[in-house]
Amino acid sequence: MPVASGNVLFAHREGDDAALETRIANILQGTFGINSFAAVRTKGELEQAVAENPFTPDGEDKFVHVHFLAAQPAPARFTALLADHEGRGPERLAPGTRALHIDYVAGASNSRLTGAFIERRLGCKGTARNIRSIKRIIEKFP
């Protein structure tokens, strides 16, 4: 069931989510020519991402994001991201479980903290959703 742009809810047998992510990405590439990363997350993983995000208590849901990652980056990669981002903008960053938590403070549209910038520093692909969208997706689960 489509939920919003880029989000799909579906049921599948439990198993290797990494293989499913690869399969979905290959279908997108082969069918539509879209080179993308597919983040497969359970309802529990989405709830965990919201709960572990340190910016949800005091940030605005539309500015606080979870950047879901294809893999768990090494702590040194996160340290490099912080160092390279120093002085580039007001964003607050925190590592998560296969995720990067971001408070864009003034909005993501004009931020210099882009997906490409994050991907190069962390060494893995990702896709971001704001907390408001994630909460709406969670509500759609049966």
Protein backbone atom coordinates (compact mmCIF):
# COMPACT_ATOMS: atom_id res chain seq x y z
CA MET A 1 0.00 0.00 0.00
CA PRO A 2 1.57 3.37 -1.00
CA VAL A 3 1.75 5.75 1.96
CA ALA A 4 3.57 8.78 0.61
CA SER A 5 6.18 9.50 -1.99
CA GLY A 6 8.84 6.85 -1.66
CA ASN A 7 7.08 4.85 1.07
CA VAL A 8 5.33 1.51 0.66
CA LEU A 9 3.82 -0.71 3.33
CA PHE A 10 3.78 -4.43 2.61
CA ALA A 11 3.77 -7.76 4.36
CA HIS A 12 6.49 -10.32 3.76
CA ARG A 13 7.90 -13.38 5.40
CA GLU A 14 10.51 -12.63 8.02
CA GLY A 15 14.00 -13.19 6.75
CA ASP A 16 16.96 -11.36 5.38
CA ASP A 17 15.89 -7.72 5.05
CA ALA A 18 19.23 -6.82 3.41
CA ALA A 19 18.48 -9.25 0.56
CA LEU A 20 14.99 -7.77 0.22
CA GLU A 21 16.45 -4.23 0.11
CA THR A 22 18.78 -5.33 -2.70
CA ARG A 23 15.96 -7.03 -4.59
CA ILE A 24 13.73 -3.93 -4.39
CA ALA A 25 16.60 -1.66 -5.48
CA ASN A 26 17.30 -3.97 -8.44
CA ILE A 27 13.62 -3.90 -9.46
CA LEU A 28 13.60 -0.08 -9.32
CA GLN A 29 16.76 0.01 -11.45
CA GLY A 30 15.63 -2.61 -13.97
CA THR A 31 12.03 -1.43 -14.34
CA PHE A 32 12.31 2.34 -13.98
CA GLY A 33 16.02 3.09 -14.38
CA ILE A 34 16.12 4.53 -10.85
CA ASN A 35 19.36 3.92 -8.94
CA SER A 36 18.08 3.95 -5.39
CA PHE A 37 18.47 2.49 -1.93
CA ALA A 38 15.48 0.67 -0.45
CA ALA A 39 15.25 0.82 3.34
CA VAL A 40 13.19 -2.09 4.63
CA ARG A 41 12.10 -1.49 8.22
CA THR A 42 9.53 -3.19 10.45
CA LYS A 43 7.01 -1.28 12.51
CA GLY A 44 9.13 -2.01 15.58
CA GLU A 45 12.25 -0.64 13.90
CA LEU A 46 10.41 2.55 12.93
CA GLU A 47 9.16 2.95 16.50
CA GLN A 48 12.70 2.38 17.77
CA ALA A 49 14.07 5.01 15.37
CA VAL A 50 11.62 7.60 16.73
CA ALA A 51 12.27 6.59 20.36
CA GLU A 52 16.07 6.66 20.08
CA ASN A 53 16.15 10.01 18.26
CA PRO A 54 17.49 12.46 20.86
CA PHE A 55 15.97 15.45 19.07
CA THR A 56 12.29 14.42 19.18
CA PRO A 57 11.64 15.84 22.67
CA ASP A 58 12.63 19.42 21.80
CA GLY A 59 12.76 19.56 17.99
CA GLU A 60 9.90 20.11 15.55
CA ASP A 61 8.66 16.88 13.95
CA LYS A 62 8.94 18.41 10.47
CA PHE A 63 12.63 19.33 11.02
CA VAL A 64 13.77 16.26 12.98
CA HIS A 65 14.73 13.44 10.61
CA VAL A 66 15.89 9.86 10.68
CA HIS A 67 18.34 9.14 7.87
CA PHE A 68 17.90 5.37 7.49
CA LEU A 69 21.18 3.73 6.45
CA ALA A 70 22.02 0.61 4.46
CA ALA A 71 24.51 -0.45 7.15
CA GLN A 72 25.75 0.55 10.60
CA PRO A 73 28.74 2.88 10.04
CA ALA A 74 31.84 2.57 12.21
CA PRO A 75 32.05 5.19 14.99
CA ALA A 76 35.07 6.73 13.24
CA ARG A 77 32.89 7.48 10.21
CA PHE A 78 30.39 9.35 12.37
CA THR A 79 33.26 11.29 13.99
CA ALA A 80 34.49 12.24 10.49
CA LEU A 81 30.99 13.38 9.53
CA LEU A 82 30.80 15.61 12.61
CA ALA A 83 34.24 17.08 11.93
CA ASP A 84 33.52 17.77 8.26
CA HIS A 85 30.14 19.32 9.09
CA GLU A 86 31.57 21.62 11.78
CA GLY A 87 30.74 25.22 10.89
CA ARG A 88 28.61 24.29 7.83
CA GLY A 89 25.22 24.79 9.49
CA PRO A 90 23.09 24.69 12.65
CA GLU A 91 22.05 21.03 12.31
CA ARG A 92 22.35 18.70 15.27
CA LEU A 93 23.51 15.12 14.55
CA ALA A 94 23.49 11.88 16.53
CA PRO A 95 24.21 8.27 15.55
CA GLY A 96 21.45 5.69 15.70
CA THR A 97 20.76 2.05 14.92
CA ARG A 98 21.41 1.81 11.16
CA ALA A 99 20.43 5.46 11.16
CA LEU A 100 21.66 9.00 11.54
CA HIS A 101 19.44 11.31 13.57
CA ILE A 102 19.32 14.89 12.37
CA ASP A 103 17.61 18.03 13.60
CA TYR A 104 17.64 20.40 10.65
CA VAL A 105 16.61 23.22 13.05
CA ALA A 106 15.78 25.70 10.25
CA GLY A 107 14.64 23.18 7.63
CA ALA A 108 16.27 20.70 5.29
CA SER A 109 15.63 22.51 2.01
CA ASN A 110 18.45 25.05 2.39
CA SER A 111 20.79 22.85 4.42
CA ARG A 112 24.30 22.07 3.27
CA LEU A 113 23.95 18.71 5.04
CA THR A 114 22.84 16.75 1.98
CA GLY A 115 22.36 13.05 1.39
CA ALA A 116 25.47 12.95 -0.80
CA PHE A 117 27.54 14.69 1.91
CA ILE A 118 26.32 12.16 4.50
CA GLU A 119 26.84 9.17 2.20
CA ARG A 120 30.45 10.11 1.41
CA ARG A 121 31.33 10.51 5.10
CA LEU A 122 29.48 7.46 6.43
CA GLY A 123 30.36 5.20 3.50
CA CYS A 124 26.83 3.89 2.97
CA LYS A 125 23.63 4.90 1.24
CA GLY A 126 20.60 6.17 3.07
CA THR A 127 17.23 7.82 2.83
CA ALA A 128 15.70 10.32 5.23
CA ARG A 129 12.19 10.86 6.56
CA ASN A 130 11.03 13.42 9.07
CA ILE A 131 9.49 12.31 12.35
CA ARG A 132 6.02 13.49 11.31
CA SER A 133 6.12 11.19 8.25
CA ILE A 134 7.48 8.25 10.23
CA LYS A 135 4.71 8.60 12.82
CA ARG A 136 2.11 8.62 10.02
CA ILE A 137 3.64 5.49 8.51
CA ILE A 138 3.58 3.74 11.90
CA GLU A 139 -0.14 4.60 12.29
CA LYS A 140 -0.88 2.84 8.95
CA PHE A 141 0.43 -0.54 10.15
CA PRO A 142 -2.27 -3.05 11.09
